[in-house]
């Protein structure tokens, strides 16, 4: 039996890590800023295109569908094409698009429709939003990848 190598037993120098709040503070800040921008855009759209009582909430529907499509393109671009800065994804993906898309309002809209005596409209809205949002992401990702493949030499 041989003695262990003395080099492997020596303690490695400890490099102090910055406190977690210092590394996460910029991420939290850009998510908050992006979320404020996205939520403001969504609110402006809801003022521009109000929903009639008992009517289909088209503004929220299209906000979610378009936001999901943009998320699909964005994810292709930052994963397949562009080595983005570490704060781009939290700012735009989580912040702006997370604030713009609104599945909480979607749930409230469904509840309002059901409470107002329009359960079929609520159910149609529930299914249509889910189907359209998932389809939008899939189509956007597929289209973005095809365009990028077509543009390659």
N, C-alpha and C. Protein backbone atom coordinates (compact mmCIF):
# COMPACT_ATOMS: atom_id res chain seq x y z
N UNK A 1 0.84 -1.17 0.00
CA UNK A 1 0.00 0.00 0.00
C UNK A 1 0.88 1.23 0.00
N UNK A 2 0.48 2.22 -0.73
CA UNK A 2 1.30 3.43 -0.81
C UNK A 2 0.63 4.56 -0.04
N UNK A 3 1.45 5.50 0.35
CA UNK A 3 0.94 6.67 1.07
C UNK A 3 0.23 7.60 0.09
N UNK A 4 -0.82 8.24 0.54
CA UNK A 4 -1.50 9.17 -0.36
C UNK A 4 -0.59 10.33 -0.72
N UNK A 5 -0.82 10.86 -1.89
CA UNK A 5 -0.04 11.99 -2.37
C UNK A 5 -0.29 13.19 -1.48
N UNK A 6 0.77 13.78 -0.98
CA UNK A 6 0.64 14.91 -0.05
C UNK A 6 -0.01 16.12 -0.71
N UNK A 7 0.19 16.28 -2.02
CA UNK A 7 -0.41 17.43 -2.72
C UNK A 7 -1.93 17.38 -2.69
N UNK A 8 -2.49 16.18 -2.80
CA UNK A 8 -3.95 16.08 -2.86
C UNK A 8 -4.60 16.32 -1.50
N UNK A 9 -3.81 16.25 -0.41
CA UNK A 9 -4.36 16.43 0.91
C UNK A 9 -4.34 17.89 1.37
N UNK A 10 -3.62 18.72 0.67
CA UNK A 10 -3.54 20.13 1.06
C UNK A 10 -4.86 20.83 0.78
N UNK A 11 -5.22 21.69 1.68
CA UNK A 11 -6.45 22.47 1.51
C UNK A 11 -6.27 23.47 0.38
N UNK A 12 -7.26 23.52 -0.45
CA UNK A 12 -7.23 24.50 -1.54
C UNK A 12 -7.59 25.87 -0.98
N UNK A 13 -7.01 26.90 -1.54
CA UNK A 13 -7.34 28.23 -1.01
C UNK A 13 -8.82 28.53 -1.23
N UNK A 14 -9.42 29.13 -0.23
CA UNK A 14 -10.85 29.46 -0.27
C UNK A 14 -11.02 30.80 -0.98
N UNK A 15 -11.79 30.79 -2.05
CA UNK A 15 -12.10 32.05 -2.73
C UNK A 15 -13.49 32.48 -2.28
N UNK A 16 -13.58 33.62 -1.66
CA UNK A 16 -14.88 34.05 -1.15
C UNK A 16 -15.84 34.36 -2.30
N UNK A 17 -17.06 33.90 -2.15
CA UNK A 17 -18.10 34.20 -3.14
C UNK A 17 -18.85 35.43 -2.68
N UNK A 18 -19.29 36.23 -3.65
CA UNK A 18 -20.08 37.39 -3.24
C UNK A 18 -21.40 36.93 -2.65
N UNK A 19 -21.98 37.72 -1.78
CA UNK A 19 -23.27 37.35 -1.19
C UNK A 19 -24.31 37.14 -2.28
N UNK A 20 -25.25 36.25 -2.03
CA UNK A 20 -26.27 35.90 -3.03
C UNK A 20 -27.04 37.12 -3.49
N UNK A 21 -27.33 38.05 -2.60
CA UNK A 21 -28.11 39.23 -2.99
C UNK A 21 -27.37 40.07 -4.01
N UNK A 22 -26.03 40.06 -3.99
CA UNK A 22 -25.27 40.85 -4.96
C UNK A 22 -25.33 40.24 -6.35
N UNK A 23 -25.39 38.94 -6.44
CA UNK A 23 -25.46 38.31 -7.76
C UNK A 23 -26.88 38.28 -8.29
N UNK A 24 -27.87 38.23 -7.39
CA UNK A 24 -29.27 38.17 -7.82
C UNK A 24 -29.92 39.54 -7.96
N UNK A 25 -29.39 40.56 -7.34
CA UNK A 25 -30.00 41.89 -7.39
C UNK A 25 -30.18 42.40 -8.82
N UNK A 26 -29.17 42.29 -9.69
CA UNK A 26 -29.38 42.76 -11.06
C UNK A 26 -30.47 41.98 -11.79
N UNK A 27 -30.56 40.68 -11.53
CA UNK A 27 -31.58 39.86 -12.17
C UNK A 27 -32.97 40.30 -11.71
N UNK A 28 -33.14 40.47 -10.41
CA UNK A 28 -34.42 40.91 -9.87
C UNK A 28 -34.78 42.29 -10.43
N UNK A 29 -33.81 43.16 -10.54
CA UNK A 29 -34.06 44.51 -11.05
C UNK A 29 -34.52 44.50 -12.50
N UNK A 30 -33.85 43.71 -13.35
CA UNK A 30 -34.25 43.70 -14.77
C UNK A 30 -35.59 42.99 -14.97
N UNK A 31 -35.88 41.98 -14.15
CA UNK A 31 -37.19 41.33 -14.24
C UNK A 31 -38.29 42.32 -13.84
N UNK A 32 -38.04 43.09 -12.79
CA UNK A 32 -39.03 44.08 -12.35
C UNK A 32 -39.23 45.16 -13.40
N UNK A 33 -38.15 45.66 -13.97
CA UNK A 33 -38.26 46.69 -15.01
C UNK A 33 -38.98 46.15 -16.24
N UNK A 34 -38.58 44.97 -16.69
CA UNK A 34 -39.24 44.36 -17.84
C UNK A 34 -40.70 44.06 -17.56
N UNK A 35 -41.00 43.57 -16.37
CA UNK A 35 -42.38 43.28 -16.01
C UNK A 35 -43.24 44.53 -16.01
N UNK A 36 -42.68 45.64 -15.54
CA UNK A 36 -43.42 46.90 -15.55
C UNK A 36 -43.71 47.34 -16.98
N UNK A 37 -42.75 47.18 -17.87
CA UNK A 37 -42.97 47.55 -19.27
C UNK A 37 -44.01 46.66 -19.93
N UNK A 38 -43.89 45.35 -19.72
CA UNK A 38 -44.84 44.42 -20.32
C UNK A 38 -46.25 44.60 -19.79
N UNK A 39 -46.38 44.78 -18.49
CA UNK A 39 -47.71 44.97 -17.89
C UNK A 39 -48.34 46.29 -18.34
N UNK A 40 -47.52 47.32 -18.51
CA UNK A 40 -48.03 48.60 -19.01
C UNK A 40 -48.55 48.45 -20.43
N UNK A 41 -47.82 47.72 -21.26
CA UNK A 41 -48.28 47.49 -22.64
C UNK A 41 -49.59 46.69 -22.65
N UNK A 42 -49.68 45.69 -21.80
CA UNK A 42 -50.91 44.90 -21.73
C UNK A 42 -52.08 45.75 -21.26
N UNK A 43 -51.86 46.57 -20.26
CA UNK A 43 -52.91 47.45 -19.75
C UNK A 43 -53.37 48.43 -20.82
N UNK A 44 -52.42 48.99 -21.55
CA UNK A 44 -52.77 49.92 -22.64
C UNK A 44 -53.62 49.22 -23.69
N UNK A 45 -53.29 47.99 -24.01
CA UNK A 45 -54.08 47.22 -24.97
C UNK A 45 -55.49 46.96 -24.45
N UNK A 46 -55.62 46.68 -23.16
CA UNK A 46 -56.96 46.43 -22.59
C UNK A 46 -57.80 47.71 -22.58
N UNK A 47 -57.16 48.87 -22.45
CA UNK A 47 -57.91 50.13 -22.54
C UNK A 47 -58.33 50.43 -23.97
N UNK A 48 -57.46 50.10 -24.90
CA UNK A 48 -57.73 50.33 -26.32
C UNK A 48 -58.81 49.38 -26.85
N UNK A 49 -58.85 48.17 -26.33
CA UNK A 49 -59.78 47.14 -26.81
C UNK A 49 -60.54 46.55 -25.61
N UNK A 50 -61.49 47.28 -25.03
CA UNK A 50 -62.19 46.81 -23.83
C UNK A 50 -63.12 45.63 -24.14
N UNK A 51 -63.35 44.83 -23.12
CA UNK A 51 -64.25 43.69 -23.23
C UNK A 51 -65.64 44.10 -22.76
N UNK A 52 -66.64 43.78 -23.56
CA UNK A 52 -68.02 44.05 -23.18
C UNK A 52 -68.44 43.01 -22.13
N UNK A 53 -69.30 43.39 -21.19
CA UNK A 53 -69.76 42.41 -20.19
C UNK A 53 -70.38 41.18 -20.86
N UNK A 54 -69.90 40.02 -20.50
CA UNK A 54 -70.39 38.77 -21.07
C UNK A 54 -69.80 38.44 -22.42
N UNK A 55 -68.97 39.34 -22.94
CA UNK A 55 -68.36 39.12 -24.25
C UNK A 55 -67.04 38.39 -24.16
N UNK A 56 -66.60 37.90 -25.29
CA UNK A 56 -65.32 37.19 -25.37
C UNK A 56 -64.19 38.20 -25.15
N UNK A 57 -63.26 37.94 -24.25
CA UNK A 57 -62.18 38.89 -23.95
C UNK A 57 -61.05 38.84 -24.99
N UNK A 58 -61.32 39.45 -26.14
CA UNK A 58 -60.38 39.37 -27.26
C UNK A 58 -59.02 39.99 -26.95
N UNK A 59 -58.97 41.08 -26.22
CA UNK A 59 -57.69 41.72 -25.93
C UNK A 59 -56.78 40.78 -25.13
N UNK A 60 -57.31 40.16 -24.12
CA UNK A 60 -56.51 39.23 -23.32
C UNK A 60 -56.14 38.00 -24.13
N UNK A 61 -57.07 37.51 -24.93
CA UNK A 61 -56.81 36.35 -25.78
C UNK A 61 -55.62 36.64 -26.70
N UNK A 62 -55.68 37.74 -27.45
CA UNK A 62 -54.62 38.04 -28.41
C UNK A 62 -53.32 38.45 -27.73
N UNK A 63 -53.41 39.07 -26.56
CA UNK A 63 -52.20 39.37 -25.80
C UNK A 63 -51.46 38.08 -25.48
N UNK A 64 -52.17 37.09 -24.99
CA UNK A 64 -51.53 35.83 -24.64
C UNK A 64 -51.00 35.09 -25.85
N UNK A 65 -51.76 35.09 -26.94
CA UNK A 65 -51.33 34.37 -28.14
C UNK A 65 -50.08 35.04 -28.74
N UNK A 66 -50.13 36.34 -28.91
CA UNK A 66 -48.98 37.06 -29.48
C UNK A 66 -47.77 36.95 -28.55
N UNK A 67 -47.99 37.11 -27.26
CA UNK A 67 -46.89 37.00 -26.31
C UNK A 67 -46.24 35.62 -26.35
N UNK A 68 -47.03 34.58 -26.48
CA UNK A 68 -46.48 33.22 -26.57
C UNK A 68 -45.68 33.03 -27.86
N UNK A 69 -46.17 33.60 -28.96
CA UNK A 69 -45.43 33.51 -30.22
C UNK A 69 -44.09 34.24 -30.11
N UNK A 70 -44.09 35.41 -29.50
CA UNK A 70 -42.84 36.16 -29.34
C UNK A 70 -41.88 35.40 -28.42
N UNK A 71 -42.40 34.77 -27.39
CA UNK A 71 -41.55 33.96 -26.51
C UNK A 71 -40.89 32.83 -27.31
N UNK A 72 -41.66 32.20 -28.20
CA UNK A 72 -41.09 31.13 -29.02
C UNK A 72 -39.94 31.61 -29.89
N UNK A 73 -40.13 32.73 -30.58
CA UNK A 73 -39.06 33.28 -31.44
C UNK A 73 -37.88 33.70 -30.58
N UNK A 74 -38.15 34.37 -29.48
CA UNK A 74 -37.09 34.85 -28.59
C UNK A 74 -36.22 33.69 -28.10
N UNK A 75 -36.84 32.60 -27.68
CA UNK A 75 -36.07 31.47 -27.17
C UNK A 75 -35.21 30.84 -28.25
N UNK A 76 -35.71 30.78 -29.48
CA UNK A 76 -34.88 30.25 -30.57
C UNK A 76 -33.69 31.17 -30.80
N UNK A 77 -33.93 32.46 -30.83
CA UNK A 77 -32.85 33.40 -31.09
C UNK A 77 -31.78 33.34 -30.01
N UNK A 78 -32.17 33.33 -28.74
CA UNK A 78 -31.14 33.36 -27.69
C UNK A 78 -30.51 32.00 -27.41
N UNK A 79 -31.13 30.92 -27.89
CA UNK A 79 -30.49 29.62 -27.67
C UNK A 79 -29.76 29.10 -28.91
N UNK A 80 -30.25 29.43 -30.09
CA UNK A 80 -29.66 28.88 -31.31
C UNK A 80 -28.77 29.86 -32.07
N UNK A 81 -28.93 31.16 -31.83
CA UNK A 81 -28.26 32.14 -32.68
C UNK A 81 -27.32 33.05 -31.91
N UNK A 82 -27.81 33.63 -30.87
CA UNK A 82 -27.15 34.75 -30.22
C UNK A 82 -26.77 34.40 -28.80
N UNK A 83 -25.51 34.60 -28.47
CA UNK A 83 -25.06 34.41 -27.09
C UNK A 83 -25.38 35.69 -26.34
N UNK A 84 -26.56 35.76 -25.76
CA UNK A 84 -27.06 36.97 -25.13
C UNK A 84 -26.40 37.20 -23.77
N UNK A 85 -26.36 38.45 -23.39
CA UNK A 85 -25.91 38.83 -22.05
C UNK A 85 -26.78 38.11 -21.02
N UNK A 86 -26.25 37.83 -19.87
CA UNK A 86 -26.98 37.05 -18.86
C UNK A 86 -28.26 37.72 -18.37
N UNK A 87 -28.43 39.02 -18.59
CA UNK A 87 -29.63 39.71 -18.13
C UNK A 87 -30.70 39.86 -19.21
N UNK A 88 -30.38 39.49 -20.45
CA UNK A 88 -31.35 39.65 -21.54
C UNK A 88 -32.55 38.73 -21.34
N UNK A 89 -32.29 37.49 -21.04
CA UNK A 89 -33.39 36.53 -20.86
C UNK A 89 -34.30 36.90 -19.69
N UNK A 90 -33.75 37.23 -18.51
CA UNK A 90 -34.64 37.65 -17.42
C UNK A 90 -35.40 38.94 -17.74
N UNK A 91 -34.74 39.88 -18.42
CA UNK A 91 -35.40 41.14 -18.73
C UNK A 91 -36.53 40.94 -19.73
N UNK A 92 -36.21 40.37 -20.87
CA UNK A 92 -37.21 40.29 -21.93
C UNK A 92 -38.13 39.09 -21.78
N UNK A 93 -37.57 37.91 -21.54
CA UNK A 93 -38.39 36.71 -21.44
C UNK A 93 -39.27 36.67 -20.21
N UNK A 94 -38.64 36.78 -19.05
CA UNK A 94 -39.40 36.72 -17.80
C UNK A 94 -40.10 38.04 -17.51
N UNK A 95 -39.40 39.14 -17.70
CA UNK A 95 -39.94 40.44 -17.36
C UNK A 95 -40.96 40.96 -18.35
N UNK A 96 -40.49 41.38 -19.53
CA UNK A 96 -41.38 42.01 -20.51
C UNK A 96 -42.49 41.05 -20.95
N UNK A 97 -42.11 39.88 -21.42
CA UNK A 97 -43.12 38.95 -21.94
C UNK A 97 -43.94 38.32 -20.82
N UNK A 98 -43.33 38.11 -19.66
CA UNK A 98 -44.09 37.61 -18.52
C UNK A 98 -45.09 38.63 -18.02
N UNK A 99 -44.73 39.91 -18.08
CA UNK A 99 -45.66 40.96 -17.70
C UNK A 99 -46.72 41.22 -18.76
N UNK A 100 -46.36 41.00 -20.01
CA UNK A 100 -47.30 41.23 -21.11
C UNK A 100 -48.36 40.14 -21.17
N UNK A 101 -47.92 38.88 -21.16
CA UNK A 101 -48.89 37.78 -21.16
C UNK A 101 -49.53 37.73 -19.79
N UNK A 102 -50.77 37.29 -19.75
CA UNK A 102 -51.50 37.40 -18.49
C UNK A 102 -52.44 36.24 -18.28
N UNK A 103 -51.92 35.17 -17.75
CA UNK A 103 -52.78 34.04 -17.50
C UNK A 103 -53.58 34.21 -16.22
N UNK A 104 -53.21 35.16 -15.38
CA UNK A 104 -54.04 35.45 -14.21
C UNK A 104 -55.32 36.17 -14.66
N UNK A 105 -55.19 37.13 -15.56
CA UNK A 105 -56.37 37.81 -16.10
C UNK A 105 -57.23 36.83 -16.88
N UNK A 106 -56.59 35.91 -17.56
CA UNK A 106 -57.29 34.85 -18.29
C UNK A 106 -58.19 34.06 -17.34
N UNK A 107 -57.66 33.70 -16.18
CA UNK A 107 -58.45 32.95 -15.20
C UNK A 107 -59.59 33.81 -14.63
N UNK A 108 -59.31 35.08 -14.36
CA UNK A 108 -60.34 35.98 -13.85
C UNK A 108 -61.44 36.18 -14.90
N UNK A 109 -61.03 36.32 -16.17
CA UNK A 109 -62.02 36.48 -17.24
C UNK A 109 -62.95 35.27 -17.32
N UNK A 110 -62.39 34.09 -17.18
CA UNK A 110 -63.21 32.87 -17.20
C UNK A 110 -64.20 32.89 -16.04
N UNK A 111 -63.72 33.23 -14.85
CA UNK A 111 -64.59 33.29 -13.68
C UNK A 111 -65.70 34.32 -13.86
N UNK A 112 -65.36 35.48 -14.42
CA UNK A 112 -66.37 36.52 -14.66
C UNK A 112 -67.44 36.04 -15.65
N UNK A 113 -67.00 35.35 -16.69
CA UNK A 113 -67.96 34.85 -17.68
C UNK A 113 -68.90 33.82 -17.05
N UNK A 114 -68.36 32.93 -16.25
CA UNK A 114 -69.19 31.91 -15.60
C UNK A 114 -70.15 32.57 -14.61
N UNK A 115 -69.63 33.51 -13.80
CA UNK A 115 -70.47 34.20 -12.81
C UNK A 115 -71.58 35.03 -13.47
N UNK A 116 -71.33 35.53 -14.67
CA UNK A 116 -72.31 36.37 -15.37
C UNK A 116 -73.31 35.52 -16.16
N UNK A 117 -73.22 34.20 -16.04
CA UNK A 117 -74.17 33.34 -16.73
C UNK A 117 -73.78 32.99 -18.15
N UNK A 118 -72.48 33.03 -18.46
CA UNK A 118 -71.99 32.69 -19.80
C UNK A 118 -70.95 31.56 -19.70
N UNK A 119 -71.35 30.40 -19.16
CA UNK A 119 -70.37 29.33 -18.97
C UNK A 119 -69.83 28.78 -20.29
N UNK A 120 -70.65 28.75 -21.33
CA UNK A 120 -70.15 28.23 -22.62
C UNK A 120 -69.08 29.15 -23.20
N UNK A 121 -69.29 30.45 -23.08
CA UNK A 121 -68.27 31.40 -23.55
C UNK A 121 -67.00 31.24 -22.72
N UNK A 122 -67.15 31.08 -21.41
CA UNK A 122 -66.00 30.86 -20.54
C UNK A 122 -65.23 29.60 -20.90
N UNK A 123 -65.96 28.53 -21.17
CA UNK A 123 -65.31 27.27 -21.55
C UNK A 123 -64.64 27.40 -22.91
N UNK A 124 -65.30 28.07 -23.84
CA UNK A 124 -64.71 28.28 -25.17
C UNK A 124 -63.44 29.11 -25.06
N UNK A 125 -63.50 30.14 -24.23
CA UNK A 125 -62.33 31.00 -24.00
C UNK A 125 -61.19 30.22 -23.37
N UNK A 126 -61.51 29.39 -22.38
CA UNK A 126 -60.52 28.56 -21.72
C UNK A 126 -59.80 27.67 -22.73
N UNK A 127 -60.57 26.95 -23.53
CA UNK A 127 -59.99 26.02 -24.50
C UNK A 127 -59.28 26.74 -25.63
N UNK A 128 -59.89 27.80 -26.14
CA UNK A 128 -59.31 28.52 -27.28
C UNK A 128 -57.97 29.16 -26.91
N UNK A 129 -57.89 29.74 -25.72
CA UNK A 129 -56.64 30.38 -25.31
C UNK A 129 -55.53 29.35 -25.16
N UNK A 130 -55.84 28.25 -24.50
CA UNK A 130 -54.83 27.21 -24.31
C UNK A 130 -54.35 26.67 -25.65
N UNK A 131 -55.28 26.32 -26.51
CA UNK A 131 -54.92 25.78 -27.82
C UNK A 131 -54.16 26.80 -28.66
N UNK A 132 -54.65 28.03 -28.70
CA UNK A 132 -54.01 29.06 -29.53
C UNK A 132 -52.62 29.43 -29.01
N UNK A 133 -52.47 29.52 -27.69
CA UNK A 133 -51.17 29.89 -27.12
C UNK A 133 -50.12 28.80 -27.38
N UNK A 134 -50.49 27.55 -27.17
CA UNK A 134 -49.54 26.46 -27.44
C UNK A 134 -49.22 26.35 -28.93
N UNK A 135 -50.22 26.53 -29.76
CA UNK A 135 -50.00 26.50 -31.21
C UNK A 135 -49.11 27.66 -31.64
N UNK A 136 -49.32 28.83 -31.05
CA UNK A 136 -48.50 29.99 -31.39
C UNK A 136 -47.03 29.76 -31.06
N UNK A 137 -46.75 29.19 -29.90
CA UNK A 137 -45.37 28.90 -29.53
C UNK A 137 -44.77 27.90 -30.52
N UNK A 138 -45.49 26.84 -30.81
CA UNK A 138 -44.97 25.81 -31.71
C UNK A 138 -44.72 26.38 -33.11
N UNK A 139 -45.68 27.13 -33.64
CA UNK A 139 -45.52 27.72 -34.97
C UNK A 139 -44.37 28.73 -35.01
N UNK A 140 -44.26 29.54 -33.97
CA UNK A 140 -43.19 30.54 -33.92
C UNK A 140 -41.81 29.89 -33.86
N UNK A 141 -41.67 28.86 -33.03
CA UNK A 141 -40.39 28.16 -32.93
C UNK A 141 -40.05 27.49 -34.26
N UNK A 142 -41.02 26.82 -34.84
CA UNK A 142 -40.80 26.14 -36.12
C UNK A 142 -40.44 27.14 -37.22
N UNK A 143 -41.18 28.22 -37.32
CA UNK A 143 -40.91 29.24 -38.35
C UNK A 143 -39.55 29.89 -38.13
N UNK A 144 -39.23 30.22 -36.89
CA UNK A 144 -37.94 30.86 -36.61
C UNK A 144 -36.79 29.94 -36.99
N UNK A 145 -36.90 28.67 -36.66
CA UNK A 145 -35.82 27.73 -37.00
C UNK A 145 -35.71 27.53 -38.51
N UNK A 146 -36.83 27.51 -39.21
CA UNK A 146 -36.78 27.38 -40.67
C UNK A 146 -36.16 28.62 -41.31
N UNK A 147 -36.53 29.78 -40.83
CA UNK A 147 -35.94 31.02 -41.38
C UNK A 147 -34.45 31.04 -41.12
N UNK A 148 -34.05 30.67 -39.92
CA UNK A 148 -32.63 30.66 -39.60
C UNK A 148 -31.87 29.63 -40.44
N UNK A 149 -32.47 28.47 -40.66
CA UNK A 149 -31.83 27.43 -41.47
C UNK A 149 -31.74 27.90 -42.93
N UNK A 150 -32.77 28.56 -43.42
CA UNK A 150 -32.80 29.05 -44.79
C UNK A 150 -31.77 30.14 -45.02
N UNK A 151 -31.51 30.95 -43.99
CA UNK A 151 -30.58 32.06 -44.12
C UNK A 151 -29.13 31.64 -44.00
N UNK A 152 -28.87 30.41 -43.52
CA UNK A 152 -27.49 29.96 -43.38
C UNK A 152 -26.90 29.68 -44.75
N UNK A 153 -25.62 30.05 -44.94
CA UNK A 153 -24.97 29.81 -46.26
C UNK A 153 -24.72 28.35 -46.52
